[in-house]
Amino acid sequence: MSERTDYKGPEYPTEAHGSIPAFHSYEEEAEFWDTHDFTDFKQETTPVTVRAPRGLSANV
């Protein structure tokens, strides 16, 4: 199992990432994403490969 199973989200303040600003609270970040579409920042993303444990993907 992953060591990150207890991950609770980012620590604030976050750092700015390209044109995505730094956030000082969960509420500030939520307000930003409520008014912006993540597809507008596609150039700032990195594709990843996701693997699901056997049997789990059958339910998706």
PDB file of N, CA and C in Angstrom:
ATOM      1  N   MET A   1       0.848  -1.183   0.000  1.00  0.00           N
ATOM      2  CA  MET A   1       0.000   0.000   0.000  1.00  0.00           C
ATOM      3  C   MET A   1       0.888   1.238   0.000  1.00  0.00           C
ATOM      4  N   SER A   2       0.383   2.313  -0.513  1.00  0.00           N
ATOM      5  CA  SER A   2       1.141   3.555  -0.624  1.00  0.00           C
ATOM      6  C   SER A   2       1.351   4.205   0.740  1.00  0.00           C
ATOM      7  N   GLU A   3       2.464   4.896   0.874  1.00  0.00           N
ATOM      8  CA  GLU A   3       2.720   5.645   2.100  1.00  0.00           C
ATOM      9  C   GLU A   3       1.853   6.890   2.180  1.00  0.00           C
ATOM     10  N   ARG A   4       1.222   7.290   1.079  1.00  0.00           N
ATOM     11  CA  ARG A   4       0.445   8.532   1.034  1.00  0.00           C
ATOM     12  C   ARG A   4      -1.039   8.301   1.296  1.00  0.00           C
ATOM     13  N   THR A   5      -1.414   7.194   1.882  1.00  0.00           N
ATOM     14  CA  THR A   5      -2.822   6.929   2.137  1.00  0.00           C
ATOM     15  C   THR A   5      -3.429   7.913   3.123  1.00  0.00           C
ATOM     16  N   ASP A   6      -2.597   8.582   3.903  1.00  0.00           N
ATOM     17  CA  ASP A   6      -3.110   9.548   4.870  1.00  0.00           C
ATOM     18  C   ASP A   6      -3.023  10.975   4.333  1.00  0.00           C
ATOM     19  N   TYR A   7      -2.831  11.148   3.026  1.00  0.00           N
ATOM     20  CA  TYR A   7      -2.729  12.465   2.411  1.00  0.00           C
ATOM     21  C   TYR A   7      -4.028  13.236   2.610  1.00  0.00           C
ATOM     22  N   LYS A   8      -3.937  14.455   3.113  1.00  0.00           N
ATOM     23  CA  LYS A   8      -5.114  15.269   3.410  1.00  0.00           C
ATOM     24  C   LYS A   8      -5.238  16.493   2.519  1.00  0.00           C
ATOM     25  N   GLY A   9      -4.354  16.635   1.530  1.00  0.00           N
ATOM     26  CA  GLY A   9      -4.397  17.797   0.658  1.00  0.00           C
ATOM     27  C   GLY A   9      -3.156  18.639   0.820  1.00  0.00           C
ATOM     28  N   PRO A  10      -3.076  19.735   0.092  1.00  0.00           N
ATOM     29  CA  PRO A  10      -1.868  20.559   0.131  1.00  0.00           C
ATOM     30  C   PRO A  10      -1.726  21.311   1.451  1.00  0.00           C
ATOM     31  N   GLU A  11      -0.497  21.642   1.755  1.00  0.00           N
ATOM     32  CA  GLU A  11      -0.241  22.510   2.896  1.00  0.00           C
ATOM     33  C   GLU A  11      -0.278  23.943   2.396  1.00  0.00           C
ATOM     34  N   TYR A  12      -0.868  24.815   3.162  1.00  0.00           N
ATOM     35  CA  TYR A  12      -0.995  26.220   2.765  1.00  0.00           C
ATOM     36  C   TYR A  12      -0.007  27.060   3.534  1.00  0.00           C
ATOM     37  N   PRO A  13       0.546  28.088   2.924  1.00  0.00           N
ATOM     38  CA  PRO A  13       0.278  28.530   1.563  1.00  0.00           C
ATOM     39  C   PRO A  13       0.966  27.627   0.544  1.00  0.00           C
ATOM     40  N   THR A  14       0.353  27.502  -0.633  1.00  0.00           N
ATOM     41  CA  THR A  14       0.946  26.742  -1.725  1.00  0.00           C
ATOM     42  C   THR A  14       1.837  27.675  -2.525  1.00  0.00           C
ATOM     43  N   GLU A  15       2.622  27.104  -3.432  1.00  0.00           N
ATOM     44  CA  GLU A  15       3.436  27.908  -4.330  1.00  0.00           C
ATOM     45  C   GLU A  15       2.677  28.111  -5.636  1.00  0.00           C
ATOM     46  N   ALA A  16       2.948  29.217  -6.312  1.00  0.00           N
ATOM     47  CA  ALA A  16       2.368  29.458  -7.630  1.00  0.00           C
ATOM     48  C   ALA A  16       2.974  28.456  -8.603  1.00  0.00           C
ATOM     49  N   HIS A  17       2.184  28.061  -9.587  1.00  0.00           N
ATOM     50  CA  HIS A  17       2.646  27.120 -10.611  1.00  0.00           C
ATOM     51  C   HIS A  17       2.255  27.689 -11.969  1.00  0.00           C
ATOM     52  N   GLY A  18       3.190  28.331 -12.641  1.00  0.00           N
ATOM     53  CA  GLY A  18       2.882  28.976 -13.914  1.00  0.00           C
ATOM     54  C   GLY A  18       1.849  30.061 -13.709  1.00  0.00           C
ATOM     55  N   SER A  19       0.736  29.969 -14.435  1.00  0.00           N
ATOM     56  CA  SER A  19      -0.319  30.975 -14.282  1.00  0.00           C
ATOM     57  C   SER A  19      -1.336  30.617 -13.204  1.00  0.00           C
ATOM     58  N   ILE A  20      -1.125  29.488 -12.523  1.00  0.00           N
ATOM     59  CA  ILE A  20      -1.970  29.126 -11.381  1.00  0.00           C
ATOM     60  C   ILE A  20      -1.368  29.812 -10.158  1.00  0.00           C
ATOM     61  N   PRO A  21      -2.133  30.666  -9.495  1.00  0.00           N
ATOM     62  CA  PRO A  21      -1.562  31.452  -8.389  1.00  0.00           C
ATOM     63  C   PRO A  21      -1.306  30.617  -7.140  1.00  0.00           C
ATOM     64  N   ALA A  22      -0.572  31.202  -6.209  1.00  0.00           N
ATOM     65  CA  ALA A  22      -0.405  30.596  -4.886  1.00  0.00           C
ATOM     66  C   ALA A  22      -1.717  30.776  -4.125  1.00  0.00           C
ATOM     67  N   PHE A  23      -2.025  29.833  -3.258  1.00  0.00           N
ATOM     68  CA  PHE A  23      -3.244  29.910  -2.453  1.00  0.00           C
ATOM     69  C   PHE A  23      -2.855  29.916  -0.987  1.00  0.00           C
ATOM     70  N   HIS A  24      -3.584  30.699  -0.192  1.00  0.00           N
ATOM     71  CA  HIS A  24      -3.297  30.810   1.233  1.00  0.00           C
ATOM     72  C   HIS A  24      -4.279  30.028   2.093  1.00  0.00           C
ATOM     73  N   SER A  25      -5.340  29.482   1.460  1.00  0.00           N
ATOM     74  CA  SER A  25      -6.302  28.689   2.215  1.00  0.00           C
ATOM     75  C   SER A  25      -7.093  27.812   1.261  1.00  0.00           C
ATOM     76  N   TYR A  26      -7.733  26.810   1.822  1.00  0.00           N
ATOM     77  CA  TYR A  26      -8.599  25.920   1.047  1.00  0.00           C
ATOM     78  C   TYR A  26      -9.719  26.724   0.396  1.00  0.00           C
ATOM     79  N   GLU A  27     -10.297  27.655   1.136  1.00  0.00           N
ATOM     80  CA  GLU A  27     -11.400  28.464   0.630  1.00  0.00           C
ATOM     81  C   GLU A  27     -10.969  29.316  -0.561  1.00  0.00           C
ATOM     82  N   GLU A  28      -9.767  29.893  -0.475  1.00  0.00           N
ATOM     83  CA  GLU A  28      -9.251  30.706  -1.572  1.00  0.00           C
ATOM     84  C   GLU A  28      -9.029  29.848  -2.818  1.00  0.00           C
ATOM     85  N   GLU A  29      -8.501  28.647  -2.639  1.00  0.00           N
ATOM     86  CA  GLU A  29      -8.289  27.750  -3.770  1.00  0.00           C
ATOM     87  C   GLU A  29      -9.617  27.299  -4.370  1.00  0.00           C
ATOM     88  N   ALA A  30     -10.579  26.976  -3.526  1.00  0.00           N
ATOM     89  CA  ALA A  30     -11.899  26.550  -4.009  1.00  0.00           C
ATOM     90  C   ALA A  30     -12.567  27.661  -4.802  1.00  0.00           C
ATOM     91  N   GLU A  31     -12.468  28.891  -4.327  1.00  0.00           N
ATOM     92  CA  GLU A  31     -13.058  30.024  -5.045  1.00  0.00           C
ATOM     93  C   GLU A  31     -12.414  30.188  -6.424  1.00  0.00           C
ATOM     94  N   PHE A  32     -11.089  30.016  -6.493  1.00  0.00           N
ATOM     95  CA  PHE A  32     -10.390  30.115  -7.777  1.00  0.00           C
ATOM     96  C   PHE A  32     -10.908  29.061  -8.748  1.00  0.00           C
ATOM     97  N   TRP A  33     -10.972  27.800  -8.304  1.00  0.00           N
ATOM     98  CA  TRP A  33     -11.390  26.726  -9.215  1.00  0.00           C
ATOM     99  C   TRP A  33     -12.888  26.781  -9.507  1.00  0.00           C
ATOM    100  N   ASP A  34     -13.670  27.415  -8.663  1.00  0.00           N
ATOM    101  CA  ASP A  34     -15.093  27.622  -8.966  1.00  0.00           C
ATOM    102  C   ASP A  34     -15.279  28.600 -10.120  1.00  0.00           C
ATOM    103  N   THR A  35     -14.300  29.462 -10.337  1.00  0.00           N
ATOM    104  CA  THR A  35     -14.422  30.490 -11.374  1.00  0.00           C
ATOM    105  C   THR A  35     -13.487  30.256 -12.561  1.00  0.00           C
ATOM    106  N   HIS A  36     -12.724  29.164 -12.550  1.00  0.00           N
ATOM    107  CA  HIS A  36     -11.807  28.834 -13.643  1.00  0.00           C
ATOM    108  C   HIS A  36     -11.995  27.375 -14.040  1.00  0.00           C
ATOM    109  N   ASP A  37     -11.685  27.055 -15.281  1.00  0.00           N
ATOM    110  CA  ASP A  37     -11.782  25.686 -15.781  1.00  0.00           C
ATOM    111  C   ASP A  37     -10.379  25.107 -15.870  1.00  0.00           C
ATOM    112  N   PHE A  38     -10.195  23.904 -15.309  1.00  0.00           N
ATOM    113  CA  PHE A  38      -8.852  23.324 -15.312  1.00  0.00           C
ATOM    114  C   PHE A  38      -8.322  23.084 -16.722  1.00  0.00           C
ATOM    115  N   THR A  39      -9.211  22.967 -17.713  1.00  0.00           N
ATOM    116  CA  THR A  39      -8.738  22.763 -19.091  1.00  0.00           C
ATOM    117  C   THR A  39      -8.051  24.010 -19.637  1.00  0.00           C
ATOM    118  N   ASP A  40      -8.258  25.160 -19.022  1.00  0.00           N
ATOM    119  CA  ASP A  40      -7.550  26.373 -19.429  1.00  0.00           C
ATOM    120  C   ASP A  40      -6.070  26.308 -19.057  1.00  0.00           C
ATOM    121  N   PHE A  41      -5.693  25.349 -18.219  1.00  0.00           N
ATOM    122  CA  PHE A  41      -4.322  25.217 -17.741  1.00  0.00           C
ATOM    123  C   PHE A  41      -3.675  23.931 -18.241  1.00  0.00           C
ATOM    124  N   LYS A  42      -4.204  23.379 -19.314  1.00  0.00           N
ATOM    125  CA  LYS A  42      -3.716  22.102 -19.843  1.00  0.00           C
ATOM    126  C   LYS A  42      -2.217  22.131 -20.129  1.00  0.00           C
ATOM    127  N   GLN A  43      -1.703  23.254 -20.608  1.00  0.00           N
ATOM    128  CA  GLN A  43      -0.285  23.358 -20.935  1.00  0.00           C
ATOM    129  C   GLN A  43       0.596  23.259 -19.689  1.00  0.00           C
ATOM    130  N   GLU A  44       0.025  23.375 -18.525  1.00  0.00           N
ATOM    131  CA  GLU A  44       0.787  23.329 -17.281  1.00  0.00           C
ATOM    132  C   GLU A  44       0.645  21.989 -16.562  1.00  0.00           C
ATOM    133  N   THR A  45       0.043  21.014 -17.224  1.00  0.00           N
ATOM    134  CA  THR A  45      -0.146  19.707 -16.607  1.00  0.00           C
ATOM    135  C   THR A  45       0.842  18.703 -17.186  1.00  0.00           C
ATOM    136  N   THR A  46       1.005  17.599 -16.495  1.00  0.00           N
ATOM    137  CA  THR A  46       1.875  16.516 -16.931  1.00  0.00           C
ATOM    138  C   THR A  46       1.063  15.227 -16.927  1.00  0.00           C
ATOM    139  N   PRO A  47       1.023  14.512 -18.065  1.00  0.00           N
ATOM    140  CA  PRO A  47       0.288  13.255 -18.085  1.00  0.00           C
ATOM    141  C   PRO A  47       0.918  12.227 -17.141  1.00  0.00           C
ATOM    142  N   VAL A  48       0.099  11.407 -16.537  1.00  0.00           N
ATOM    143  CA  VAL A  48       0.578  10.332 -15.671  1.00  0.00           C
ATOM    144  C   VAL A  48      -0.116   9.032 -16.051  1.00  0.00           C
ATOM    145  N   THR A  49       0.508   7.936 -15.728  1.00  0.00           N
ATOM    146  CA  THR A  49      -0.092   6.625 -15.927  1.00  0.00           C
ATOM    147  C   THR A  49      -0.713   6.194 -14.613  1.00  0.00           C
ATOM    148  N   VAL A  50      -1.962   5.773 -14.660  1.00  0.00           N
ATOM    149  CA  VAL A  50      -2.674   5.343 -13.460  1.00  0.00           C
ATOM    150  C   VAL A  50      -2.890   3.841 -13.549  1.00  0.00           C
ATOM    151  N   ARG A  51      -2.539   3.144 -12.482  1.00  0.00           N
ATOM    152  CA  ARG A  51      -2.756   1.702 -12.435  1.00  0.00           C
ATOM    153  C   ARG A  51      -3.730   1.402 -11.314  1.00  0.00           C
ATOM    154  N   ALA A  52      -4.716   0.568 -11.611  1.00  0.00           N
ATOM    155  CA  ALA A  52      -5.687   0.162 -10.594  1.00  0.00           C
ATOM    156  C   ALA A  52      -5.406  -1.287 -10.193  1.00  0.00           C
ATOM    157  N   PRO A  53      -5.590  -1.614  -8.925  1.00  0.00           N
ATOM    158  CA  PRO A  53      -5.398  -2.989  -8.497  1.00  0.00           C
ATOM    159  C   PRO A  53      -6.383  -3.917  -9.214  1.00  0.00           C
ATOM    160  N   ARG A  54      -6.008  -5.154  -9.362  1.00  0.00           N
ATOM    161  CA  ARG A  54      -6.845  -6.145 -10.028  1.00  0.00           C
ATOM    162  C   ARG A  54      -8.233  -6.188  -9.395  1.00  0.00           C
ATOM    163  N   GLY A  55      -9.250  -6.183 -10.228  1.00  0.00           N
ATOM    164  CA  GLY A  55     -10.625  -6.246  -9.744  1.00  0.00           C
ATOM    165  C   GLY A  55     -11.254  -4.888  -9.516  1.00  0.00           C
ATOM    166  N   LEU A  56     -10.472  -3.899  -9.129  1.00  0.00           N
ATOM    167  CA  LEU A  56     -11.019  -2.576  -8.862  1.00  0.00           C
ATOM    168  C   LEU A  56     -11.483  -1.911 -10.156  1.00  0.00           C
ATOM    169  N   SER A  57     -10.706  -2.032 -11.222  1.00  0.00           N
ATOM    170  CA  SER A  57     -11.066  -1.370 -12.470  1.00  0.00           C
ATOM    171  C   SER A  57     -12.336  -1.951 -13.079  1.00  0.00           C
ATOM    172  N   ALA A  58     -12.706  -3.173 -12.751  1.00  0.00           N
ATOM    173  CA  ALA A  58     -13.930  -3.775 -13.265  1.00  0.00           C
ATOM    174  C   ALA A  58     -15.165  -3.029 -12.763  1.00  0.00           C
ATOM    175  N   ASN A  59     -15.047  -2.370 -11.621  1.00  0.00           N
ATOM    176  CA  ASN A  59     -16.178  -1.648 -11.036  1.00  0.00           C
ATOM    177  C   ASN A  59     -16.326  -0.242 -11.575  1.00  0.00           C
ATOM    178  N   VAL A  60     -15.341   0.218 -12.312  1.00  0.00           N
ATOM    179  CA  VAL A  60     -15.347   1.604 -12.791  1.00  0.00           C
ATOM    180  C   VAL A  60     -16.109   1.714 -14.078  1.00  0.00           C
TER     181      VAL A  60
END
